[in-house]
Amino acid sequence: MKIAIIGTGNLGYSIAQGILSQDNFTLDNLYLTKRNKSSLSSFEKFPKVKISSNNKEAIQYSDVIILAVQPNQLIAVLEEVKTVIDTKRHTIISVITGRKIHEIEAIVGGEIAIIRSMPNTAISVGQSMTCISANEKGKENIEFAKTIFNSLGNTLYIEEKLMQSATVICASGIAFWMRLIRATAQGAVQLGFHADEAQELAMQTCLGAASLLIQSGSHPEQEIDKVTTPSGCTISGLNEMEHQGLSSSIIKGLVTSFEKINQI
């Protein structure tokens, strides 16, 4: 497989690392493009990686084009390279926030396979929740796209109309979970722990809770029932949080974020 990542910034860099760690498909070459190539020097040790500032060259020698440029750069980049895009040979995978499939089709045509993906910042540690959608032609290559993003976390195929919602749940969701972890750490400090201890307790407990659900396949309430005893401290704390609007606040925050993203 011949792959080009156009615009290898932080996200493109992480995707490149994930691709190089894969053994599920044969990689013939991986082109990485960026205006300032110096930040990509760590990839020079890989014989199959080629670093370039020439987007057209990278695309001509590739079958899969991963677009990772900034949203405001997309149109200019597509206009620059559209003459070397082969609708029969190339597949485009866009990881550009907020840019829809029809915007890409408007420049390169609707006959090319286009896949849109929405990873989050946890992709840098191989724990992204990535949602993907595709045009009709792109659906033929969904499994290949999943192979790439499953190397960087988990992947879920969704309809494109849900991509804004996925951005709120998964991308903005990272910030929401960070705030919940911080709040737990602040509470731990108030209960007597030092700040570094408090953060470790909060982080590991959060990781443990998610791991329990992933490995058991349980509903959250089933796991809650295992640690709540009649008249105990856990149920007392949960009830107080709910009285103060915990679940309601989270839901309202998600809805507000969704309404905002649709205004942008």
Protein backbone atom coordinates (compact mmCIF):
# COMPACT_ATOMS: atom_id res chain seq x y z
CA MET A 1 0.00 0.00 0.00
CA LYS A 2 1.22 3.48 -0.91
CA ILE A 3 0.05 6.25 1.43
CA ALA A 4 0.53 10.02 1.52
CA ILE A 5 -0.25 12.20 4.53
CA ILE A 6 -0.77 15.75 3.28
CA GLY A 7 -0.05 18.20 6.10
CA THR A 8 1.83 16.20 8.72
CA GLY A 9 1.19 18.31 11.82
CA ASN A 10 0.44 16.87 15.25
CA LEU A 11 -2.48 14.72 14.05
CA GLY A 12 -0.77 13.60 10.85
CA TYR A 13 2.35 12.76 12.86
CA SER A 14 0.35 10.47 15.16
CA ILE A 15 -1.37 8.79 12.22
CA ALA A 16 2.02 8.15 10.61
CA GLN A 17 3.23 6.50 13.81
CA GLY A 18 0.13 4.30 13.85
CA ILE A 19 0.58 3.26 10.23
CA LEU A 20 4.21 2.33 10.80
CA SER A 21 3.23 0.17 13.76
CA GLN A 22 0.78 -1.87 11.66
CA ASP A 23 1.51 -5.32 10.30
CA ASN A 24 -2.02 -5.94 8.97
CA PHE A 25 -1.13 -4.65 5.51
CA THR A 26 1.97 -4.29 3.38
CA LEU A 27 3.30 -0.74 3.29
CA ASP A 28 5.24 0.05 0.13
CA ASN A 29 5.87 3.71 0.91
CA LEU A 30 4.60 6.47 3.17
CA TYR A 31 4.93 10.06 1.97
CA LEU A 32 4.76 12.76 4.64
CA THR A 33 4.39 16.35 3.47
CA LYS A 34 4.85 19.57 5.38
CA ARG A 35 6.18 23.04 4.57
CA ASN A 36 8.72 22.86 7.39
CA LYS A 37 10.15 19.34 7.08
CA SER A 38 12.54 19.62 10.04
CA SER A 39 9.87 18.49 12.53
CA LEU A 40 9.58 15.18 10.64
CA SER A 41 13.26 14.22 10.98
CA SER A 42 12.41 11.37 13.38
CA PHE A 43 10.88 9.48 10.44
CA GLU A 44 14.07 9.54 8.40
CA LYS A 45 15.20 6.27 9.95
CA PHE A 46 12.33 4.40 8.29
CA PRO A 47 13.37 3.25 4.79
CA LYS A 48 9.81 3.32 3.45
CA VAL A 49 9.11 6.88 4.58
CA LYS A 50 9.67 9.78 2.22
CA ILE A 51 9.52 13.35 3.54
CA SER A 52 8.59 16.09 1.13
CA SER A 53 7.11 19.57 0.79
CA ASN A 54 5.72 18.67 -2.63
CA ASN A 55 2.08 17.60 -2.29
CA LYS A 56 1.68 16.71 -5.96
CA GLU A 57 4.68 14.40 -5.92
CA ALA A 58 3.44 12.65 -2.79
CA ILE A 59 0.03 12.03 -4.33
CA GLN A 60 1.42 10.80 -7.64
CA TYR A 61 3.34 8.07 -5.84
CA SER A 62 0.49 7.06 -3.52
CA ASP A 63 -2.85 5.24 -3.60
CA VAL A 64 -4.30 6.59 -0.34
CA ILE A 65 -4.32 10.33 0.39
CA ILE A 66 -4.80 11.33 4.02
CA LEU A 67 -5.70 15.01 4.23
CA ALA A 68 -4.53 16.44 7.56
CA VAL A 69 -4.16 20.14 6.76
CA GLN A 70 -5.88 22.95 8.68
CA PRO A 71 -9.56 23.47 7.77
CA ASN A 72 -8.88 26.84 6.17
CA GLN A 73 -6.18 25.29 3.96
CA LEU A 74 -8.29 22.49 2.49
CA ILE A 75 -9.69 24.27 -0.57
CA ALA A 76 -6.32 25.70 -1.62
CA VAL A 77 -4.58 22.33 -1.22
CA LEU A 78 -7.25 20.49 -3.22
CA GLU A 79 -7.11 23.08 -5.98
CA GLU A 80 -3.34 22.63 -6.06
CA VAL A 81 -3.38 18.84 -6.39
CA LYS A 82 -6.65 18.03 -8.17
CA THR A 83 -4.93 17.52 -11.53
CA VAL A 84 -2.90 14.59 -10.18
CA ILE A 85 -5.75 12.86 -8.36
CA ASP A 86 -6.89 9.73 -10.19
CA THR A 87 -10.53 8.88 -9.44
CA LYS A 88 -9.97 5.20 -10.24
CA ARG A 89 -6.79 4.74 -8.20
CA HIS A 90 -6.92 7.12 -5.26
CA THR A 91 -8.82 7.03 -2.00
CA ILE A 92 -9.07 10.24 0.04
CA ILE A 93 -9.28 10.07 3.84
CA SER A 94 -9.95 13.45 5.45
CA VAL A 95 -9.24 14.03 9.14
CA ILE A 96 -10.06 17.72 8.85
CA THR A 97 -12.51 18.99 11.47
CA GLY A 98 -15.77 20.41 10.16
CA ARG A 99 -15.11 19.84 6.46
CA LYS A 100 -17.83 17.77 4.79
CA ILE A 101 -17.50 15.18 2.06
CA HIS A 102 -19.45 17.24 -0.47
CA GLU A 103 -16.91 20.08 -0.09
CA ILE A 104 -14.16 17.73 -1.24
CA GLU A 105 -16.33 16.27 -4.00
CA ALA A 106 -17.03 19.79 -5.29
CA ILE A 107 -13.34 20.10 -6.23
CA VAL A 108 -12.16 16.57 -7.03
CA GLY A 109 -15.47 15.09 -8.23
CA GLY A 110 -17.95 12.60 -6.82
CA GLU A 111 -16.46 9.54 -8.50
CA ILE A 112 -13.49 9.28 -6.14
CA ALA A 113 -13.62 7.32 -2.88
CA ILE A 114 -13.79 9.77 0.02
CA ILE A 115 -13.76 8.86 3.71
CA ARG A 116 -14.26 11.44 6.45
CA SER A 117 -12.91 10.70 9.93
CA MET A 118 -13.09 12.38 13.33
CA PRO A 119 -10.33 11.24 15.71
CA ASN A 120 -9.57 12.95 19.03
CA THR A 121 -6.35 14.04 20.72
CA ALA A 122 -5.96 10.67 22.47
CA ILE A 123 -4.76 9.44 19.08
CA SER A 124 -1.30 10.55 20.23
CA VAL A 125 -1.30 7.74 22.82
CA GLY A 126 -3.14 5.18 20.67
CA GLN A 127 -6.47 5.60 22.47
CA SER A 128 -8.58 7.67 20.08
CA MET A 129 -12.28 7.07 19.55
CA THR A 130 -12.47 7.72 15.81
CA CYS A 131 -15.76 8.01 13.92
CA ILE A 132 -15.74 7.60 10.14
CA SER A 133 -18.23 8.10 7.32
CA ALA A 134 -17.93 7.87 3.54
CA ASN A 135 -19.48 8.65 0.19
CA GLU A 136 -20.79 5.71 -1.87
CA LYS A 137 -17.45 5.01 -3.52
CA GLY A 138 -15.61 5.37 -0.20
CA LYS A 139 -17.72 2.68 1.46
CA GLU A 140 -15.74 0.11 -0.52
CA ASN A 141 -12.61 1.03 1.46
CA ILE A 142 -14.09 1.39 4.95
CA GLU A 143 -12.33 -1.69 6.28
CA PHE A 144 -8.95 -0.34 5.21
CA ALA A 145 -9.67 2.97 6.96
CA LYS A 146 -10.67 1.05 10.09
CA THR A 147 -7.36 -0.81 9.98
CA ILE A 148 -5.49 2.49 10.12
CA PHE A 149 -7.53 4.06 12.91
CA ASN A 150 -7.91 0.87 14.94
CA SER A 151 -4.13 0.99 15.30
CA LEU A 152 -4.70 4.30 17.11
CA GLY A 153 -7.67 3.32 19.31
CA ASN A 154 -11.20 2.28 18.35
CA THR A 155 -13.25 3.07 15.24
CA LEU A 156 -16.98 3.39 14.62
CA TYR A 157 -18.65 3.83 11.23
CA ILE A 158 -21.49 6.38 11.34
CA GLU A 159 -23.65 8.37 8.93
CA GLU A 160 -22.07 11.70 8.06
CA LYS A 161 -25.05 13.60 9.51
CA LEU A 162 -23.89 12.39 12.95
CA MET A 163 -20.34 13.70 12.54
CA GLN A 164 -21.06 16.96 14.39
CA SER A 165 -22.48 14.95 17.30
CA ALA A 166 -19.43 12.68 17.23
CA THR A 167 -17.20 15.74 17.42
CA VAL A 168 -18.96 16.85 20.60
CA ILE A 169 -18.96 13.39 22.24
CA CYS A 170 -15.45 12.31 21.25
CA ALA A 171 -13.34 15.38 20.44
CA SER A 172 -14.83 17.95 22.82
CA GLY A 173 -15.51 15.00 25.11
CA ILE A 174 -11.81 14.75 25.92
CA ALA A 175 -12.02 18.20 27.55
CA PHE A 176 -15.21 17.27 29.41
CA TRP A 177 -13.62 14.15 30.88
CA MET A 178 -10.50 16.12 31.78
CA ARG A 179 -12.67 18.53 33.77
CA LEU A 180 -14.35 15.65 35.62
CA ILE A 181 -10.94 14.19 36.47
CA ARG A 182 -9.76 17.60 37.67
CA ALA A 183 -12.85 18.01 39.85
CA THR A 184 -12.23 14.59 41.41
CA ALA A 185 -8.61 15.55 42.10
CA GLN A 186 -9.71 18.84 43.70
CA GLY A 187 -12.05 16.91 45.95
CA ALA A 188 -9.25 14.53 46.88
CA VAL A 189 -7.06 17.47 47.89
CA GLN A 190 -9.85 18.78 50.12
CA LEU A 191 -10.05 15.33 51.70
CA GLY A 192 -6.35 15.39 52.60
CA PHE A 193 -4.25 14.22 49.65
CA HIS A 194 -1.38 16.14 48.05
CA ALA A 195 -2.06 17.43 44.54
CA ASP A 196 0.10 14.87 42.73
CA GLU A 197 -1.42 12.01 44.73
CA ALA A 198 -4.91 13.36 44.10
CA GLN A 199 -4.38 13.46 40.34
CA GLU A 200 -2.99 9.94 40.27
CA LEU A 201 -5.99 8.66 42.23
CA ALA A 202 -8.43 10.44 39.93
CA MET A 203 -6.75 9.36 36.67
CA GLN A 204 -6.35 5.70 37.56
CA THR A 205 -9.88 5.45 38.94
CA CYS A 206 -11.26 6.96 35.72
CA LEU A 207 -9.20 4.53 33.64
CA GLY A 208 -10.34 1.64 35.82
CA ALA A 209 -14.02 2.57 35.44
CA ALA A 210 -13.76 2.72 31.64
CA SER A 211 -11.76 -0.53 31.53
CA LEU A 212 -14.40 -2.32 33.58
CA LEU A 213 -17.11 -1.36 31.09
CA ILE A 214 -14.98 -2.24 28.06
CA GLN A 215 -13.93 -5.65 29.34
CA SER A 216 -17.23 -6.66 30.95
CA GLY A 217 -19.62 -5.15 28.40
CA SER A 218 -21.77 -4.10 31.34
CA HIS A 219 -24.08 -1.10 31.58
CA PRO A 220 -22.65 1.59 33.93
CA GLU A 221 -25.51 1.07 36.40
CA GLN A 222 -24.60 -2.61 36.78
CA GLU A 223 -21.09 -1.64 37.90
CA ILE A 224 -22.49 1.12 40.13
CA ASP A 225 -24.71 -1.44 41.87
CA LYS A 226 -21.61 -3.47 42.78
CA VAL A 227 -20.16 -0.62 44.87
CA THR A 228 -23.33 0.84 46.41
CA THR A 229 -24.53 -0.68 49.65
CA PRO A 230 -27.73 0.24 51.52
CA SER A 231 -27.26 3.50 53.46
CA GLY A 232 -23.61 3.51 52.39
CA CYS A 233 -21.23 6.32 51.52
CA THR A 234 -21.27 5.68 47.75
CA ILE A 235 -25.02 6.03 47.29
CA SER A 236 -25.05 9.05 49.57
CA GLY A 237 -22.41 10.74 47.44
CA LEU A 238 -24.12 9.79 44.17
CA ASN A 239 -27.47 11.11 45.34
CA GLU A 240 -25.96 14.41 46.44
CA MET A 241 -24.26 14.80 43.06
CA GLU A 242 -27.55 14.14 41.28
CA HIS A 243 -29.38 16.59 43.56
CA GLN A 244 -26.81 19.18 42.44
CA GLY A 245 -27.49 18.34 38.78
CA LEU A 246 -24.54 16.13 37.77
CA SER A 247 -26.20 14.14 34.96
CA SER A 248 -28.37 17.06 33.91
CA SER A 249 -25.37 19.40 33.68
CA ILE A 250 -23.41 16.97 31.54
CA ILE A 251 -26.31 16.44 29.14
CA LYS A 252 -26.97 20.19 28.94
CA GLY A 253 -23.27 20.80 28.27
CA LEU A 254 -23.24 18.30 25.42
CA VAL A 255 -26.36 19.81 23.87
CA THR A 256 -24.95 23.34 24.21
CA SER A 257 -21.70 22.27 22.56
CA PHE A 258 -23.67 20.64 19.74
CA GLU A 259 -25.74 23.78 19.18
CA LYS A 260 -22.55 25.86 19.07
CA ILE A 261 -20.76 23.62 16.58
CA ASN A 262 -23.73 23.91 14.24
CA GLN A 263 -23.43 27.70 14.32
CA ILE A 264 -19.75 27.69 13.32
